[in-house]
């Protein structure tokens, strides 16, 4: 394997070649002109060829020097950029959060710019999944999950109320099929989310609508997709009201009825592992998300 020349000699040569001045190279490197000259001569001895044509007060590159400068300047620039990138990554504190797709898209992501503004040193890595959380198996700091707040091996923090209500496009109702009572839903397509397959059944039972098949209609992988279909007049979706607040405000969606079902404690929680010390970036995120939540955010250690 060929030996590499000393890095200090390469730096001295590259700076002198770039400026075509030993004095300017010395100022850039915070050394004396004599030190630059010695390093360049060491490199020439190592290579066995002259790199500069030396005049009384000026220097010029030889043909070999010009070729060598072109090659090593690219290499040194690559080294500088690689060092800078690594330094930026080291300075950043990575935070790994997992959430449901709809919660991430409709609640968390619109608010993340505020977290980034408050904590620019923290780099959030956000992933989505419907799978149960296993902090022993997964390399994540926290997760947003739906449940009753009782998770083994996790601290849980209540985030938002889980109030259900059917929503639709304001242009959906037909003159021949008014929506006066819940039983009138039988004339419309129900939009479902696989992630929340029981919502329609629970809401219909709460209002006493027993003649409607709670499983009929169109099924989507996520609530976000069901809400998008509702906006496009494809049917009526069962919504968690906190996730469609913006759509209700701007008129893209309206409530089909004022009947709501409050699922109380069965809602979204922030989970953190209870058997490990919480990292500072997770503490910052937990405090921020509880501040931004619409509820008390009380901790339930489990």
Protein backbone atom coordinates (compact mmCIF):
# COMPACT_ATOMS: atom_id res chain seq x y z
CA UNK A 1 0.00 0.00 0.00
CA UNK A 2 1.34 3.42 -0.97
CA UNK A 3 2.20 5.72 1.93
CA UNK A 4 0.23 8.95 2.26
CA UNK A 5 2.05 12.26 2.55
CA UNK A 6 1.76 14.19 5.85
CA UNK A 7 -1.58 15.99 6.08
CA UNK A 8 0.04 19.24 7.26
CA UNK A 9 2.21 19.26 4.14
CA UNK A 10 -0.84 18.72 1.94
CA UNK A 11 -2.70 21.57 3.68
CA UNK A 12 0.25 23.92 3.24
CA UNK A 13 0.60 23.05 -0.45
CA UNK A 14 -3.15 23.32 -1.13
CA UNK A 15 -3.39 26.74 0.53
CA UNK A 16 -0.26 28.06 -1.23
CA UNK A 17 -1.46 26.72 -4.60
CA UNK A 18 -4.93 28.18 -4.14
CA UNK A 19 -3.60 31.64 -3.27
CA UNK A 20 -0.41 31.36 -5.36
CA UNK A 21 1.14 33.02 -2.34
CA UNK A 22 3.12 31.59 0.58
CA UNK A 23 2.30 34.65 2.67
CA UNK A 24 -1.47 34.35 2.13
CA UNK A 25 -1.32 30.61 2.86
CA UNK A 26 0.55 31.33 6.10
CA UNK A 27 -2.11 33.85 7.18
CA UNK A 28 -4.89 31.34 6.47
CA UNK A 29 -3.18 28.54 8.39
CA UNK A 30 -1.99 30.81 11.25
CA UNK A 31 1.69 29.87 10.76
CA UNK A 32 4.76 31.68 9.45
CA UNK A 33 5.64 31.84 5.73
CA UNK A 34 8.77 29.89 6.56
CA UNK A 35 6.70 27.07 8.03
CA UNK A 36 4.60 26.89 4.85
CA UNK A 37 7.71 26.78 2.68
CA UNK A 38 9.22 23.98 4.79
CA UNK A 39 6.02 21.89 4.61
CA UNK A 40 5.81 22.34 0.83
CA UNK A 41 9.45 21.28 0.41
CA UNK A 42 8.80 18.21 2.60
CA UNK A 43 5.94 17.30 0.25
CA UNK A 44 8.15 17.81 -2.84
CA UNK A 45 10.80 15.56 -1.30
CA UNK A 46 8.13 12.95 -0.54
CA UNK A 47 6.82 13.08 -4.11
CA UNK A 48 10.23 13.41 -5.75
CA UNK A 49 9.22 16.35 -7.94
CA UNK A 50 8.91 20.12 -7.84
CA UNK A 51 5.41 21.52 -7.34
CA UNK A 52 6.19 25.27 -7.65
CA UNK A 53 8.26 27.51 -9.84
CA UNK A 54 9.71 30.03 -7.38
CA UNK A 55 10.45 33.62 -8.38
CA UNK A 56 11.72 36.53 -6.31
CA UNK A 57 8.34 37.41 -4.73
CA UNK A 58 5.93 35.08 -6.47
CA UNK A 59 5.30 31.43 -7.13
CA UNK A 60 3.65 29.48 -9.93
CA UNK A 61 2.57 25.87 -10.21
CA UNK A 62 4.55 23.43 -12.29
CA UNK A 63 2.63 21.10 -14.59
CA UNK A 64 2.91 18.33 -11.99
CA UNK A 65 1.95 20.82 -9.27
CA UNK A 66 -1.18 21.93 -11.15
CA UNK A 67 -2.31 18.33 -11.69
CA UNK A 68 -1.63 17.43 -8.07
CA UNK A 69 -3.43 20.53 -6.76
CA UNK A 70 -6.52 19.68 -8.81
CA UNK A 71 -6.67 16.18 -7.32
CA UNK A 72 -5.86 16.89 -3.68
CA UNK A 73 -8.08 20.01 -3.47
CA UNK A 74 -11.09 17.82 -4.30
CA UNK A 75 -10.02 15.30 -1.66
CA UNK A 76 -9.49 17.97 1.00
CA UNK A 77 -12.83 19.59 0.22
CA UNK A 78 -14.51 16.18 0.56
CA UNK A 79 -12.79 15.75 3.94
CA UNK A 80 -13.93 19.19 5.08
CA UNK A 81 -17.53 18.50 4.03
CA UNK A 82 -17.56 15.04 5.64
CA UNK A 83 -16.20 16.51 8.86
CA UNK A 84 -18.80 19.28 8.79
CA UNK A 85 -21.66 16.84 8.20
CA UNK A 86 -20.53 14.61 11.03
CA UNK A 87 -20.14 17.59 13.32
CA UNK A 88 -23.70 18.72 12.54
CA UNK A 89 -25.02 15.23 13.31
CA UNK A 90 -23.09 15.05 16.58
CA UNK A 91 -24.39 18.46 17.63
CA UNK A 92 -27.97 17.36 16.92
CA UNK A 93 -29.73 15.29 19.55
CA UNK A 94 -31.82 12.67 17.78
CA UNK A 95 -35.29 11.96 19.18
CA UNK A 96 -37.15 8.88 17.93
CA UNK A 97 -40.96 9.06 18.15
CA UNK A 98 -43.58 6.64 16.80
CA UNK A 99 -47.24 7.51 16.26
CA UNK A 100 -50.34 6.57 14.32
CA UNK A 101 -50.47 7.90 10.76
CA UNK A 102 -53.59 10.02 11.24
CA UNK A 103 -52.45 11.47 14.57
CA UNK A 104 -49.06 12.30 13.07
CA UNK A 105 -50.50 13.90 9.92
CA UNK A 106 -53.38 15.82 11.42
CA UNK A 107 -52.23 16.76 14.93
CA UNK A 108 -48.52 16.28 15.51
CA UNK A 109 -46.86 17.40 12.27
CA UNK A 110 -48.74 20.74 12.05
CA UNK A 111 -47.38 21.57 15.53
CA UNK A 112 -43.81 20.25 15.15
CA UNK A 113 -42.51 23.54 13.75
CA UNK A 114 -43.14 25.03 17.18
CA UNK A 115 -41.09 22.28 18.82
CA UNK A 116 -38.26 22.77 16.32
CA UNK A 117 -38.30 26.52 16.99
CA UNK A 118 -37.98 25.93 20.72
CA UNK A 119 -35.43 23.11 20.44
CA UNK A 120 -33.38 23.52 17.23
CA UNK A 121 -30.72 21.21 18.68
CA UNK A 122 -33.13 18.24 18.69
CA UNK A 123 -33.66 16.30 15.45
CA UNK A 124 -36.99 14.45 15.49
CA UNK A 125 -37.24 11.12 13.69
CA UNK A 126 -40.98 10.42 13.35
CA UNK A 127 -42.29 7.06 12.17
CA UNK A 128 -45.82 5.67 11.98
CA UNK A 129 -47.20 2.21 12.71
CA UNK A 130 -50.33 0.44 13.94
CA UNK A 131 -48.27 -2.21 15.77
CA UNK A 132 -48.11 -2.43 19.56
CA UNK A 133 -45.15 -0.73 21.21
CA UNK A 134 -42.32 -2.84 22.61
CA UNK A 135 -39.68 -0.58 24.16
CA UNK A 136 -37.44 -3.60 24.86
CA UNK A 137 -37.32 -4.45 21.16
CA UNK A 138 -37.62 -1.07 19.44
CA UNK A 139 -35.07 1.72 19.41
CA UNK A 140 -37.52 4.55 20.11
CA UNK A 141 -37.75 7.15 22.87
CA UNK A 142 -41.53 7.53 22.95
CA UNK A 143 -44.74 6.63 21.19
CA UNK A 144 -48.27 7.97 20.80
CA UNK A 145 -50.80 5.17 21.21
CA UNK A 146 -54.54 4.76 21.61
CA UNK A 147 -55.81 2.98 24.70
CA UNK A 148 -56.92 3.20 28.31
CA UNK A 149 -53.62 4.48 29.71
CA UNK A 150 -52.59 1.10 31.13
CA UNK A 151 -49.48 -0.17 29.37
CA UNK A 152 -47.04 -2.57 30.96
CA UNK A 153 -43.51 -1.21 31.11
CA UNK A 154 -44.51 2.32 30.12
CA UNK A 155 -45.31 5.69 31.61
CA UNK A 156 -48.46 7.06 29.98
CA UNK A 157 -49.50 10.69 29.60
CA UNK A 158 -53.07 11.63 28.59
CA UNK A 159 -53.02 13.87 25.51
CA UNK A 160 -56.43 14.63 23.98
CA UNK A 161 -60.13 13.81 24.41
CA UNK A 162 -61.54 11.12 22.16
CA UNK A 163 -64.95 12.48 21.15
CA UNK A 164 -66.62 10.74 18.20
CA UNK A 165 -69.06 12.33 15.78
CA UNK A 166 -70.06 11.53 12.16
CA UNK A 167 -68.82 14.11 9.64
CA UNK A 168 -69.41 14.68 5.95
CA UNK A 169 -69.04 17.17 3.14
CA UNK A 170 -71.64 19.95 3.37
CA UNK A 171 -72.52 19.12 -0.25
CA UNK A 172 -73.22 15.42 0.39
CA UNK A 173 -76.87 15.32 1.61
CA UNK A 174 -79.39 14.70 -1.16
CA UNK A 175 -82.82 16.39 -1.25
CA UNK A 176 -84.45 12.95 -1.39
CA UNK A 177 -82.49 11.67 1.62
CA UNK A 178 -82.45 14.24 4.43
CA UNK A 179 -80.46 13.49 7.58
CA UNK A 180 -82.88 14.22 10.39
CA UNK A 181 -82.30 11.26 12.71
CA UNK A 182 -79.45 8.71 12.95
CA UNK A 183 -81.54 6.01 11.25
CA UNK A 184 -81.42 8.14 8.08
CA UNK A 185 -77.77 7.09 7.76
CA UNK A 186 -78.99 3.87 6.15
CA UNK A 187 -79.29 5.79 2.87
CA UNK A 188 -75.63 6.81 2.86
CA UNK A 189 -72.28 5.07 2.67
CA UNK A 190 -70.45 4.74 5.98
CA UNK A 191 -66.69 5.32 5.80
CA UNK A 192 -64.56 3.22 8.17
CA UNK A 193 -60.95 3.09 9.36
CA UNK A 194 -59.28 -0.28 9.87
CA UNK A 195 -57.41 1.26 12.78
CA UNK A 196 -60.71 2.14 14.48
CA UNK A 197 -63.08 -0.56 13.29
CA UNK A 198 -65.52 -0.28 16.23
CA UNK A 199 -66.18 3.47 16.14
CA UNK A 200 -69.32 3.32 14.03
CA UNK A 201 -70.77 0.42 16.05
CA UNK A 202 -70.11 2.23 19.34
CA UNK A 203 -71.59 5.53 18.16
CA UNK A 204 -74.68 3.92 16.60
CA UNK A 205 -75.31 1.95 19.79
CA UNK A 206 -74.98 5.12 21.88
CA UNK A 207 -77.76 6.85 19.87
CA UNK A 208 -80.00 3.76 19.68
CA UNK A 209 -79.73 3.26 15.91
CA UNK A 210 -80.15 -0.53 15.84
CA UNK A 211 -81.35 -0.97 12.24
CA UNK A 212 -78.08 0.07 10.59
CA UNK A 213 -75.26 -2.39 9.86
CA UNK A 214 -72.23 -0.80 11.60
CA UNK A 215 -69.85 -2.78 9.37
CA UNK A 216 -71.39 -1.79 6.03
CA UNK A 217 -69.71 0.76 3.79
CA UNK A 218 -66.17 1.45 2.64
CA UNK A 219 -63.09 0.52 4.66
CA UNK A 220 -59.83 2.50 4.63
CA UNK A 221 -56.46 1.77 6.16
CA UNK A 222 -56.43 4.95 8.25
CA UNK A 223 -58.81 7.58 9.54
CA UNK A 224 -56.96 10.19 7.47
CA UNK A 225 -58.04 8.36 4.32
CA UNK A 226 -61.64 8.12 5.56
CA UNK A 227 -61.71 11.87 6.25
CA UNK A 228 -60.32 12.59 2.77
CA UNK A 229 -63.04 10.40 1.25
CA UNK A 230 -65.68 12.27 3.28
CA UNK A 231 -64.42 15.61 1.96
CA UNK A 232 -64.77 14.16 -1.56
CA UNK A 233 -68.47 13.35 -0.87
CA UNK A 234 -67.93 9.59 -0.91
CA UNK A 235 -69.82 9.04 2.31
CA UNK A 236 -69.94 9.84 6.02
CA UNK A 237 -66.92 9.21 8.27
CA UNK A 238 -66.84 8.67 12.01
CA UNK A 239 -64.36 11.27 13.19
CA UNK A 240 -62.40 12.03 16.30
CA UNK A 241 -63.34 15.67 16.57
CA UNK A 242 -59.91 16.93 17.61
CA UNK A 243 -58.50 15.57 14.33
CA UNK A 244 -60.99 17.38 12.07
CA UNK A 245 -61.16 20.74 13.83
CA UNK A 246 -59.51 22.55 10.92
CA UNK A 247 -61.84 20.90 8.37
CA UNK A 248 -64.88 21.91 10.42
CA UNK A 249 -63.60 25.48 10.75
CA UNK A 250 -62.95 25.94 7.04
CA UNK A 251 -66.17 24.23 5.98
CA UNK A 252 -64.68 21.20 4.23
CA UNK A 253 -66.57 19.02 6.70
CA UNK A 254 -69.69 19.45 8.81
CA UNK A 255 -71.21 17.35 11.56
CA UNK A 256 -73.90 15.02 10.26
CA UNK A 257 -75.52 15.12 13.73
CA UNK A 258 -74.79 16.83 17.01
CA UNK A 259 -74.82 13.50 18.87
CA UNK A 260 -71.32 12.76 20.12
CA UNK A 261 -69.78 9.85 21.97
CA UNK A 262 -67.09 10.73 24.51
CA UNK A 263 -64.75 7.75 24.91
CA UNK A 264 -63.35 9.37 28.07
CA UNK A 265 -60.13 7.61 29.14
CA UNK A 266 -59.87 5.53 25.94
CA UNK A 267 -57.87 8.01 23.97
CA UNK A 268 -54.38 8.99 22.85
CA UNK A 269 -51.47 8.80 25.28
CA UNK A 270 -47.77 9.56 25.03
CA UNK A 271 -45.82 6.51 26.17
CA UNK A 272 -42.25 6.45 27.46
CA UNK A 273 -40.35 3.41 28.77
CA UNK A 274 -40.58 3.12 32.55
CA UNK A 275 -37.47 0.99 33.01
CA UNK A 276 -34.88 3.39 31.60
CA UNK A 277 -33.71 6.91 32.37
CA UNK A 278 -35.47 9.45 30.18
CA UNK A 279 -33.08 11.24 27.82
CA UNK A 280 -33.09 15.07 27.95
CA UNK A 281 -34.51 15.38 24.43
CA UNK A 282 -37.42 13.10 25.36
CA UNK A 283 -38.07 15.17 28.47
CA UNK A 284 -38.18 18.30 26.31
CA UNK A 285 -40.60 16.64 23.86
CA UNK A 286 -42.82 15.29 26.64
CA UNK A 287 -43.10 18.68 28.32
CA UNK A 288 -43.81 20.35 24.97
CA UNK A 289 -46.50 17.92 23.78
CA UNK A 290 -48.29 18.01 27.14
CA UNK A 291 -48.27 21.80 26.97
CA UNK A 292 -49.76 21.65 23.46
CA UNK A 293 -52.34 18.97 24.34
CA UNK A 294 -55.90 20.01 25.06
CA UNK A 295 -56.13 18.08 28.32
CA UNK A 296 -54.44 17.92 31.70
CA UNK A 297 -51.65 15.59 30.61
CA UNK A 298 -51.45 13.77 33.91
CA UNK A 299 -48.83 11.04 34.20
CA UNK A 300 -49.82 7.45 34.95
CA UNK A 301 -46.76 5.39 35.79
CA UNK A 302 -47.24 1.73 34.84
